[in-house]
Amino acid sequence: MKLVRNVVTATVAALCVGGALAQSGTSVKIAFIDPLSGPFANVGQNQLKSWQFVAERLSGAKNPAGVNFEVTGFDNKGSPQESLNSLKAAIDQGFRYVTQGNGSGAGLAISDAVSKHNARNPGKEVVYLNYAAVDPSMTNEKCDYWHFRLDADTSMKMEALTTFMKDQPNVKKVYLLNQNYSHGQQVAKYFKDGIARKRPDVKIVGDDLHPIGQVKDFAPYVAKIKQSGADTIVTGNWGADLTLFVKALNDAGLKLPMYTYYAQVTGTPTALAAGGGDSEVYVIAYGHANHTGEVAAISADFKKKFNDDYYTLATYNGINLMAAAIVKAKSSDPVKVAAALEGLTVKSFAGEVQMRKSDHQLQQSMFVTKWQKVDKKNPYSVENTGYTFAPVKQMDAFIASTPTSCQMKRPA
């Protein structure tokens, strides 16, 4: 009987391992659709390298499914229409997973197109991994079963940021400067809502929206900020629109505390350092430059290979979630993987993260970081400037978590 029990136990264990490794050696191809040319090309190229580097790093025996991840770039030039052309090209080439992040307009177009494609083409379904398009509508009224967001949305970040700002007594008069598209509009909206609840004494002394990727000289905006008497700037700008804004602030000698979403993104740290490095700048994000452990090793090796910063940590969570879902599904088929992703929890670089089933919004910790000189505790030199973004506040996932109005329609 003891021998029988041992044989049965060994058989069950073998079946479990066999299920987990059923896809071992399979290639999982991911199409990256984002700007690789135009004003935001430097950001897109960094993020394509980030996806490819992490995919290669965590392929094969380095992930529990044993699959090989491959990421190929498609240039959408930052345009929703070009995103649709890129999506069609990717699908025609056999890609069943797509990822995108730079621009919620492009993200919404991709999400809608993927949903329609899947409805019309059973057996050829595609999954959309959203790593940075943060329009809250994508996990609320415009949520879709095939869309999974790895970043925190605009409302989540602002909930965390205003929670931090309410305890900053020097914040009294705020100037809002944002890009004139969904994300920028929502940064302004959610800041006003959040600060009114938490610090009703704070005054909004300016609220400007400017064309995205078109302003070459932000001096007129800086002049307005100076004239307003603002003591604080809040901006959701990213890429060239933030880098050029910082340069204009430097040129005017205007040193105001600035609360941002994306000051760590390509080009902006160098501009901050060019201004003397003493600017008081904060970032709200799901990660930072000075994590330890595996993601720190990835960051160091990325720097050695590309002389560039690895800041899109959603790529790490994305690949790990994919691998875990493939193990759970015992398949790399997008239909089964999508089902497995719902409610899935994995260990990240900052504790556990969970893909919330109700709306496919990843629940994760948030960090407020501050621009400062590198030190022993925070040694990573951002863009080789001698400065870094050091964590000053970590908030558990529940603090930034926001409710959802998503009425998820799941396939039969």
Foldseek 3Di string as FASTA:
>chain_A
DVVVVVVVVVVVVVVLLCLLQVCAAAEAEEEEEEACDAQQNVQSVLVQVLLQLLQQVCAAPNFRRRHRYHYDYDHQNHDLVSLVVSVVVCLVVPHQEYEYARELSNVLSVQVVQQVCCVVDPPSHHAYEYQHNAQQCCLFVVDELRYAYLWHHLLLLLLVVLVVVLPVVQQAEEAEEEEPDRSSVVNVVNNVVNCCVRPVRHHHQYHDYHHPSPDQACLVVVVSCVVSPGQEYEYADEGPVQLRVLLNCLVVVPAHEYEYAYCLGPNNVVSCVVSVQPHKYKHKTQDFQFQDDPVVVSQVVSCVVPVAGNDSQSSVVVVNLLSVLCSVQSHNPSLSSSVSLAQDWDQGSQGIWTQHNQRNYIQGKMFMWTKDAADPNRHDQRSVSRITTHTDDIGHRVSSDDDHNDPYDDDD
